[in-house]
Amino acid sequence: AVAASEPMLTHRASNLAIWATGFGQLIVYAAYWYAALWLINDGLDWVYDALDDAPVLYMRCVVLSAGVFFGLSGFAIAAKWLLVGRWKAETFPIWGWRYY
């Protein structure tokens, strides 16, 4: 009922706005995954340094796995709270800065 009473948006985004928003999102995703893979690669190098000692190797695998899981999950949660955590329900044009 509430959605039916809201006015229709008549904003039509330009092709430049659509492509710029998509390109910006692609750059952010690429940077995030590049940083994550770089950290995992360094972590695997740290794990491989202990290949001759099984207990140390096991503990390093546990530490790296937990660090990757909690690090990436914590980053996503922190980013959500910092970027959109305090937003209120409202309407805004699609393909704009706020949408990005």
Protein backbone atom coordinates (compact mmCIF):
# COMPACT_ATOMS: atom_id res chain seq x y z
CA ALA A 1 0.00 0.00 0.00
CA VAL A 2 2.83 2.40 0.81
CA ALA A 3 4.65 1.67 -2.45
CA ALA A 4 1.50 2.28 -4.46
CA SER A 5 1.06 5.75 -2.97
CA GLU A 6 4.61 6.91 -3.80
CA PRO A 7 4.95 9.06 -6.91
CA MET A 8 6.56 7.58 -10.01
CA LEU A 9 10.05 8.81 -10.78
CA THR A 10 10.39 10.41 -14.20
CA HIS A 11 14.19 10.71 -14.17
CA ARG A 12 15.83 9.11 -17.23
CA ALA A 13 19.55 8.58 -16.87
CA SER A 14 21.86 9.36 -19.75
CA ASN A 15 24.03 6.72 -21.37
CA LEU A 16 27.08 8.42 -19.89
CA ALA A 17 25.65 8.10 -16.36
CA ILE A 18 24.86 4.42 -16.91
CA TRP A 19 28.29 3.60 -18.31
CA ALA A 20 30.14 5.71 -15.72
CA THR A 21 28.30 4.06 -12.85
CA GLY A 22 28.95 0.58 -14.23
CA PHE A 23 32.61 1.36 -14.86
CA GLY A 24 33.00 2.78 -11.35
CA GLN A 25 31.50 -0.36 -9.84
CA LEU A 26 33.79 -2.52 -11.97
CA ILE A 27 36.85 -0.59 -10.78
CA VAL A 28 35.83 -0.93 -7.11
CA TYR A 29 35.21 -4.69 -7.46
CA ALA A 30 38.48 -5.20 -9.31
CA ALA A 31 40.46 -3.25 -6.68
CA TYR A 32 38.78 -5.17 -3.85
CA TRP A 33 39.50 -8.57 -5.37
CA TYR A 34 43.04 -7.59 -6.35
CA ALA A 35 43.78 -6.56 -2.76
CA ALA A 36 42.15 -9.71 -1.38
CA LEU A 37 44.09 -12.00 -3.73
CA TRP A 38 47.32 -10.15 -2.97
CA LEU A 39 46.80 -10.73 0.77
CA ILE A 40 45.91 -14.39 0.23
CA ASN A 41 49.02 -14.84 -1.93
CA ASP A 42 51.23 -13.38 0.80
CA GLY A 43 49.46 -15.59 3.33
CA LEU A 44 50.12 -18.68 1.22
CA ASP A 45 53.79 -17.74 0.95
CA TRP A 46 53.85 -17.54 4.76
CA VAL A 47 52.20 -20.99 5.00
CA TYR A 48 54.61 -22.54 2.47
CA ASP A 49 57.56 -21.44 4.58
CA ALA A 50 56.55 -24.12 7.13
CA LEU A 51 56.20 -27.11 4.75
CA ASP A 52 58.80 -29.14 6.66
CA ASP A 53 57.16 -28.80 10.08
CA ALA A 54 53.66 -30.37 10.12
CA PRO A 55 52.29 -28.85 13.39
CA VAL A 56 53.43 -25.35 12.42
CA LEU A 57 52.06 -25.87 8.91
CA TYR A 58 48.69 -26.92 10.32
CA MET A 59 48.48 -23.91 12.64
CA ARG A 60 49.45 -21.53 9.87
CA CYS A 61 46.72 -23.01 7.65
CA VAL A 62 44.18 -22.51 10.45
CA VAL A 63 45.32 -18.94 11.07
CA LEU A 64 45.28 -18.07 7.35
CA SER A 65 41.85 -19.62 6.79
CA ALA A 66 40.34 -17.88 9.80
CA GLY A 67 42.01 -14.59 8.87
CA VAL A 68 40.69 -14.72 5.31
CA PHE A 69 37.17 -15.67 6.39
CA PHE A 70 36.83 -13.17 9.22
CA GLY A 71 38.83 -10.49 7.42
CA LEU A 72 36.75 -10.50 4.23
CA SER A 73 33.49 -10.92 6.13
CA GLY A 74 34.40 -8.17 8.58
CA PHE A 75 35.41 -5.84 5.76
CA ALA A 76 32.07 -6.37 3.99
CA ILE A 77 30.11 -5.77 7.20
CA ALA A 78 32.14 -2.67 8.10
CA ALA A 79 31.75 -1.27 4.58
CA LYS A 80 28.00 -1.83 4.71
CA TRP A 81 27.67 0.00 8.01
CA LEU A 82 29.91 2.86 6.93
CA LEU A 83 28.39 3.32 3.47
CA VAL A 84 24.68 2.53 3.86
CA GLY A 85 24.14 1.77 7.53
CA ARG A 86 22.43 5.03 8.40
CA TRP A 87 20.31 5.50 5.32
CA LYS A 88 16.62 6.05 5.67
CA ALA A 89 13.99 4.71 3.30
CA GLU A 90 13.63 7.23 0.51
CA THR A 91 13.70 7.45 -3.25
CA PHE A 92 16.65 8.57 -5.34
CA PRO A 93 17.43 8.43 -9.05
CA ILE A 94 18.99 5.28 -10.36
CA TRP A 95 22.43 5.44 -12.02
CA GLY A 96 23.54 8.41 -9.92
CA TRP A 97 26.22 8.89 -7.26
CA ARG A 98 23.95 7.61 -4.51
CA TYR A 99 23.11 4.49 -6.53
CA TYR A 100 26.80 3.88 -7.19
